[in-house]
């Protein structure tokens, strides 16, 4: 076998699929908008996606992408639907059927079932305007005419690539209109490396009784005992109104002790570092770590909302690093 020929075949396949995506892009029209709006208006029901064969595999991927981007969805096996699983479809649901031909026998039972209930909306994704699916859909998106890669135009390749891209386009359109943010994404992706990257300061910060907050009038002798017991190497200093006014570290204590032989009676407000750096609780932990590295410090005060004088937590570099964030 010649390497050049193998590589040419591969490039030809990819080019077929690129052409299919270009055709799909040109086919994005009012029908696409109607599909997205129908899904966005599905407030009380579910989005159920089905297909047969390769289109069924694509349908399963659509459901997974929809669910992970804020549109609750699940895949319905078309064959099992005719053997009891049709009961998963209820009023106010949206059913999306993907079929290149629009004539698959397994889908006809689902089409008939949805047509009997006016509260169930059917979205058809097909390339055949004269098909059963297209004619019976509440909203139909007509896929462009696509030539499959490979001999005889028989292997689903370019068509499934286009179907896959269409699902992504719909999912992301819905995601953006719902204002589904990275924080929402993190909530439904609690495991894996992606979740680690999306951890925020609030996930790792120290709060409550563990928080090393002391009065600005506290004297050094007592402050040393507290910083030793808290084992965080830092104290957050507040005024009577509860607002944070300063910070002091164990390194600061050592330097002050060298300069002031009678340092034990000094009040913290006279020696503290004023206006400590603070971050919002929704700041990504990776961003907080970057700030610490830039400022050459090991911890940050944490606030909520716009009130950066009210400390609700403390995030330490060690806790961020222990979470495998770098």
Protein backbone atom coordinates (compact mmCIF):
# COMPACT_ATOMS: atom_id res chain seq x y z
CA UNK A 1 0.00 0.00 0.00
CA UNK A 2 1.28 3.44 -0.91
CA UNK A 3 1.41 6.12 1.78
CA UNK A 4 0.49 8.89 -0.68
CA UNK A 5 -2.69 7.13 -1.70
CA UNK A 6 -3.75 6.45 1.89
CA UNK A 7 -3.22 10.09 2.81
CA UNK A 8 -5.13 11.28 -0.26
CA UNK A 9 -8.12 9.14 0.69
CA UNK A 10 -8.10 10.64 4.17
CA UNK A 11 -7.89 14.18 2.84
CA UNK A 12 -10.73 13.50 0.38
CA UNK A 13 -12.97 12.23 3.18
CA UNK A 14 -12.25 15.31 5.28
CA UNK A 15 -12.90 17.58 2.30
CA UNK A 16 -16.28 15.92 1.71
CA UNK A 17 -17.18 16.64 5.32
CA UNK A 18 -15.91 20.22 5.11
CA UNK A 19 -18.13 20.75 2.08
CA UNK A 20 -21.07 19.31 4.00
CA UNK A 21 -20.49 21.75 6.86
CA UNK A 22 -20.27 24.66 4.43
CA UNK A 23 -23.59 23.64 2.91
CA UNK A 24 -25.11 23.34 6.36
CA UNK A 25 -23.87 26.82 7.28
CA UNK A 26 -25.57 28.25 4.19
CA UNK A 27 -28.75 26.41 5.18
CA UNK A 28 -29.11 28.06 8.58
CA UNK A 29 -32.34 30.01 8.15
CA UNK A 30 -35.67 30.83 9.77
CA UNK A 31 -36.35 27.13 10.38
CA UNK A 32 -33.27 26.96 12.57
CA UNK A 33 -34.50 29.94 14.60
CA UNK A 34 -37.88 28.24 15.05
CA UNK A 35 -36.18 25.10 16.36
CA UNK A 36 -34.19 27.08 18.93
CA UNK A 37 -37.21 29.15 20.04
CA UNK A 38 -39.36 26.05 20.47
CA UNK A 39 -36.71 24.46 22.70
CA UNK A 40 -36.22 27.66 24.71
CA UNK A 41 -39.97 27.87 25.31
CA UNK A 42 -40.08 24.33 26.68
CA UNK A 43 -40.49 25.29 30.34
CA UNK A 44 -42.61 22.46 31.74
CA UNK A 45 -41.62 19.49 29.62
CA UNK A 46 -38.53 17.61 28.50
CA UNK A 47 -36.51 17.53 25.31
CA UNK A 48 -36.39 13.98 23.97
CA UNK A 49 -34.15 13.09 21.03
CA UNK A 50 -34.25 9.97 18.89
CA UNK A 51 -32.90 8.50 15.68
CA UNK A 52 -32.04 5.20 14.02
CA UNK A 53 -28.65 3.77 13.13
CA UNK A 54 -25.89 6.35 12.79
CA UNK A 55 -28.45 9.12 13.26
CA UNK A 56 -29.36 7.45 16.55
CA UNK A 57 -25.76 7.70 17.69
CA UNK A 58 -25.79 11.38 16.77
CA UNK A 59 -29.09 11.81 18.64
CA UNK A 60 -27.51 10.38 21.78
CA UNK A 61 -24.69 12.92 21.46
CA UNK A 62 -27.21 15.76 20.98
CA UNK A 63 -28.95 14.76 24.21
CA UNK A 64 -25.66 14.68 26.12
CA UNK A 65 -24.59 18.09 24.79
CA UNK A 66 -28.00 19.65 25.47
CA UNK A 67 -28.06 18.38 29.05
CA UNK A 68 -24.52 19.56 29.77
CA UNK A 69 -25.30 23.09 28.54
CA UNK A 70 -28.49 23.78 30.46
CA UNK A 71 -31.20 22.14 28.32
CA UNK A 72 -32.44 19.00 30.15
CA UNK A 73 -32.64 16.24 27.57
CA UNK A 74 -32.40 12.49 27.10
CA UNK A 75 -32.06 9.98 24.29
CA UNK A 76 -34.94 7.67 23.39
CA UNK A 77 -34.09 4.45 21.60
CA UNK A 78 -36.44 4.33 18.61
CA UNK A 79 -36.78 0.54 18.64
CA UNK A 80 -37.52 0.33 22.36
CA UNK A 81 -40.02 3.17 21.99
CA UNK A 82 -42.34 0.78 20.19
CA UNK A 83 -42.05 -1.68 23.07
CA UNK A 84 -43.09 0.47 26.00
CA UNK A 85 -40.55 3.27 26.17
CA UNK A 86 -42.97 5.58 24.36
CA UNK A 87 -44.40 6.20 27.82
CA UNK A 88 -41.39 8.41 28.53
CA UNK A 89 -42.96 11.01 26.22
CA UNK A 90 -45.58 13.10 28.04
CA UNK A 91 -47.51 16.33 27.56
CA UNK A 92 -45.49 19.53 27.07
CA UNK A 93 -42.47 17.55 25.85
CA UNK A 94 -40.53 18.28 22.69
CA UNK A 95 -39.46 15.32 20.58
CA UNK A 96 -36.61 15.75 18.11
CA UNK A 97 -36.26 13.05 15.47
CA UNK A 98 -33.11 12.87 13.34
CA UNK A 99 -33.29 10.91 10.10
CA UNK A 100 -31.50 11.57 6.84
CA UNK A 101 -34.27 9.91 4.83
CA UNK A 102 -37.13 10.82 7.14
CA UNK A 103 -38.72 7.48 6.28
CA UNK A 104 -37.28 5.09 8.90
CA UNK A 105 -39.95 2.62 10.00
CA UNK A 106 -38.83 2.76 13.64
CA UNK A 107 -39.57 6.48 13.76
CA UNK A 108 -43.07 6.25 12.27
CA UNK A 109 -44.56 4.96 15.52
CA UNK A 110 -43.07 7.91 17.41
CA UNK A 111 -44.42 10.31 14.78
CA UNK A 112 -47.90 8.83 15.11
CA UNK A 113 -47.72 8.96 18.91
CA UNK A 114 -46.74 12.64 19.01
CA UNK A 115 -49.36 13.61 16.43
CA UNK A 116 -52.14 12.30 18.70
CA UNK A 117 -51.20 14.74 21.48
CA UNK A 118 -51.32 18.42 20.57
CA UNK A 119 -49.26 19.28 23.68
CA UNK A 120 -46.27 17.36 22.33
CA UNK A 121 -44.22 19.20 19.73
CA UNK A 122 -42.24 17.35 17.08
CA UNK A 123 -39.07 18.73 15.53
CA UNK A 124 -37.94 16.88 12.43
CA UNK A 125 -34.33 16.92 11.18
CA UNK A 126 -34.18 15.41 7.69
CA UNK A 127 -32.86 15.99 4.19
CA UNK A 128 -36.07 14.84 2.42
CA UNK A 129 -38.85 17.39 2.04
CA UNK A 130 -41.31 14.75 0.82
CA UNK A 131 -40.66 12.43 3.77
CA UNK A 132 -43.11 11.36 6.47
CA UNK A 133 -40.99 13.07 9.10
CA UNK A 134 -40.82 16.43 7.35
CA UNK A 135 -44.55 16.50 6.56
CA UNK A 136 -45.64 15.63 10.11
CA UNK A 137 -43.28 17.84 12.09
CA UNK A 138 -44.45 20.96 13.92
CA UNK A 139 -41.08 22.47 13.03
CA UNK A 140 -38.83 20.88 10.42
CA UNK A 141 -35.25 21.69 9.59
CA UNK A 142 -34.26 20.61 6.09
CA UNK A 143 -30.69 19.39 5.92
CA UNK A 144 -28.89 20.32 2.67
CA UNK A 145 -28.22 17.77 -0.05
CA UNK A 146 -24.94 16.14 0.96
CA UNK A 147 -22.63 13.75 -0.83
CA UNK A 148 -21.20 11.10 1.44
CA UNK A 149 -17.49 10.37 1.48
CA UNK A 150 -16.45 7.01 0.12
CA UNK A 151 -17.59 4.92 -2.84
CA UNK A 152 -21.21 4.77 -4.06
CA UNK A 153 -22.37 7.51 -1.66
CA UNK A 154 -23.62 4.86 0.78
CA UNK A 155 -21.63 5.27 4.01
CA UNK A 156 -23.07 7.86 6.44
CA UNK A 157 -20.10 10.19 6.86
CA UNK A 158 -20.65 13.71 5.61
CA UNK A 159 -24.32 13.60 6.61
CA UNK A 160 -23.60 12.56 10.19
CA UNK A 161 -20.87 15.20 10.48
CA UNK A 162 -23.43 17.80 9.48
CA UNK A 163 -26.00 16.39 11.92
CA UNK A 164 -23.43 16.55 14.70
CA UNK A 165 -22.57 20.17 13.93
CA UNK A 166 -26.26 21.13 13.77
CA UNK A 167 -26.83 19.72 17.25
CA UNK A 168 -23.90 21.72 18.60
CA UNK A 169 -25.23 24.88 16.93
CA UNK A 170 -28.66 24.41 18.51
CA UNK A 171 -27.23 23.59 21.94
CA UNK A 172 -24.90 26.59 22.04
CA UNK A 173 -27.62 28.92 20.75
CA UNK A 174 -29.91 27.82 23.59
CA UNK A 175 -27.02 28.04 26.07
CA UNK A 176 -26.28 31.66 25.18
CA UNK A 177 -29.91 32.74 25.26
CA UNK A 178 -30.29 31.16 28.72
CA UNK A 179 -27.17 33.01 29.92
CA UNK A 180 -25.77 29.65 30.98
CA UNK A 181 -22.38 30.57 32.45
CA UNK A 182 -19.21 28.71 33.40
CA UNK A 183 -20.49 28.61 36.99
CA UNK A 184 -23.69 26.87 35.86
CA UNK A 185 -21.54 24.51 33.79
CA UNK A 186 -19.43 23.65 36.85
CA UNK A 187 -22.51 22.70 38.90
CA UNK A 188 -23.43 19.88 36.53
CA UNK A 189 -19.84 18.78 35.90
CA UNK A 190 -18.63 18.07 39.46
CA UNK A 191 -16.04 15.51 38.40
CA UNK A 192 -13.10 15.47 36.07
CA UNK A 193 -10.38 17.90 35.04
CA UNK A 194 -12.89 20.38 33.65
CA UNK A 195 -14.49 20.76 37.08
CA UNK A 196 -11.07 21.41 38.61
CA UNK A 197 -10.43 24.24 36.15
CA UNK A 198 -13.81 25.76 37.02
CA UNK A 199 -13.39 25.68 40.79
CA UNK A 200 -13.99 29.07 42.34
CA UNK A 201 -12.60 30.71 45.44
CA UNK A 202 -15.85 29.91 47.29
CA UNK A 203 -15.17 26.18 46.78
CA UNK A 204 -11.86 26.37 48.62
CA UNK A 205 -12.02 29.29 51.03
CA UNK A 206 -11.86 29.06 54.83
CA UNK A 207 -14.99 30.32 56.59
CA UNK A 208 -16.76 30.44 59.94
CA UNK A 209 -14.87 29.80 63.15
CA UNK A 210 -11.75 28.83 61.25
CA UNK A 211 -11.50 32.32 59.79
CA UNK A 212 -8.66 34.23 61.52
CA UNK A 213 -10.45 37.58 62.06
CA UNK A 214 -9.35 39.78 64.96
CA UNK A 215 -9.94 43.34 66.21
CA UNK A 216 -7.69 46.18 65.16
CA UNK A 217 -7.26 47.01 68.86
CA UNK A 218 -5.83 43.60 69.69
CA UNK A 219 -2.32 43.67 71.10
CA UNK A 220 0.58 41.74 69.60
CA UNK A 221 0.96 39.37 72.56
CA UNK A 222 -2.57 38.01 72.13
CA UNK A 223 -2.34 38.12 68.33
CA UNK A 224 0.68 35.82 68.36
CA UNK A 225 -1.29 33.20 70.31
CA UNK A 226 -4.19 33.39 67.83
CA UNK A 227 -2.06 33.18 64.68
CA UNK A 228 -0.27 30.18 66.20
CA UNK A 229 -3.54 28.39 67.04
CA UNK A 230 -5.18 29.12 63.67
CA UNK A 231 -2.12 27.71 61.84
CA UNK A 232 -2.79 29.79 58.72
CA UNK A 233 0.10 32.21 59.03
CA UNK A 234 -2.15 35.24 58.70
CA UNK A 235 -4.66 37.36 60.61
CA UNK A 236 -7.46 39.45 59.07
CA UNK A 237 -7.95 42.68 61.00
CA UNK A 238 -11.35 44.37 61.30
CA UNK A 239 -12.90 47.52 62.77
CA UNK A 240 -15.84 47.57 65.18
CA UNK A 241 -18.26 47.80 62.25
CA UNK A 242 -16.93 44.48 60.98
CA UNK A 243 -15.19 45.92 57.95
CA UNK A 244 -11.73 44.62 57.10
CA UNK A 245 -9.03 47.27 57.43
CA UNK A 246 -5.80 45.30 57.38
CA UNK A 247 -3.87 42.06 57.44
CA UNK A 248 -0.77 40.76 59.15
CA UNK A 249 1.30 37.61 58.57
CA UNK A 250 3.62 35.56 60.73
CA UNK A 251 6.49 36.98 58.66
CA UNK A 252 5.39 40.48 59.65
CA UNK A 253 5.45 39.46 63.34
CA UNK A 254 9.05 38.33 63.04
CA UNK A 255 10.16 41.56 61.36
CA UNK A 256 8.33 43.72 63.91
CA UNK A 257 9.84 41.77 66.82
CA UNK A 258 13.30 42.55 65.51
CA UNK A 259 12.58 46.30 65.24
CA UNK A 260 10.58 46.72 68.47
CA UNK A 261 12.00 44.96 71.58
CA UNK A 262 8.79 45.75 73.51
CA UNK A 263 6.45 44.82 70.67
CA UNK A 264 4.00 42.76 72.78
CA UNK A 265 1.90 45.78 73.77
CA UNK A 266 1.63 47.21 70.25
CA UNK A 267 -1.89 47.32 68.81
CA UNK A 268 -2.39 45.68 65.43
CA UNK A 269 -3.84 48.82 63.86
CA UNK A 270 -0.46 50.52 64.25
CA UNK A 271 1.56 47.86 62.47
CA UNK A 272 -0.85 46.08 60.09
CA UNK A 273 -0.76 46.21 56.30
CA UNK A 274 -3.73 48.34 55.30
CA UNK A 275 -6.28 47.58 52.56
CA UNK A 276 -5.44 43.90 51.95
CA UNK A 277 -6.04 42.41 48.52
CA UNK A 278 -9.50 40.83 48.28
CA UNK A 279 -11.28 38.82 45.58
CA UNK A 280 -14.91 38.01 44.90
CA UNK A 281 -16.07 34.56 45.98
CA UNK A 282 -16.95 33.72 42.35
CA UNK A 283 -13.37 34.33 41.15
CA UNK A 284 -11.81 31.25 39.57
CA UNK A 285 -9.32 29.63 41.92
CA UNK A 286 -6.76 29.63 39.10
CA UNK A 287 -7.12 33.42 38.82
CA UNK A 288 -6.69 33.80 42.57
CA UNK A 289 -3.52 31.72 42.41
CA UNK A 290 -2.21 33.95 39.63
CA UNK A 291 -2.81 37.04 41.79
CA UNK A 292 -0.92 35.45 44.68
CA UNK A 293 2.02 34.57 42.48
CA UNK A 294 2.13 38.08 41.01
CA UNK A 295 1.86 39.82 44.40
CA UNK A 296 4.13 37.23 46.08
CA UNK A 297 1.62 36.48 48.84
CA UNK A 298 0.11 33.22 50.08
CA UNK A 299 -3.49 34.16 50.86
CA UNK A 300 -6.33 36.46 49.83
CA UNK A 301 -9.35 37.86 51.62
CA UNK A 302 -12.67 36.95 50.02
CA UNK A 303 -15.77 39.13 49.72
CA UNK A 304 -19.25 38.71 48.24
CA UNK A 305 -20.78 41.09 45.74
CA UNK A 306 -19.55 44.67 45.63
CA UNK A 307 -18.79 45.05 49.33
CA UNK A 308 -15.07 44.30 49.30
CA UNK A 309 -14.63 45.58 52.85
CA UNK A 310 -16.70 42.75 54.32
CA UNK A 311 -14.57 39.61 54.45
CA UNK A 312 -16.50 36.33 54.30
CA UNK A 313 -13.57 33.98 53.80
CA UNK A 314 -9.87 33.46 53.25
CA UNK A 315 -8.35 31.47 50.41
CA UNK A 316 -4.85 30.07 50.92
CA UNK A 317 -2.38 29.12 48.21
CA UNK A 318 -1.85 25.68 49.78
CA UNK A 319 -5.56 24.82 49.46
CA UNK A 320 -5.56 25.81 45.80
CA UNK A 321 -2.46 23.77 45.05
CA UNK A 322 -3.89 20.76 46.91
CA UNK A 323 -6.84 20.87 44.48
CA UNK A 324 -4.40 20.32 41.57
CA UNK A 325 -4.96 23.83 40.25
CA UNK A 326 -1.91 25.48 38.75
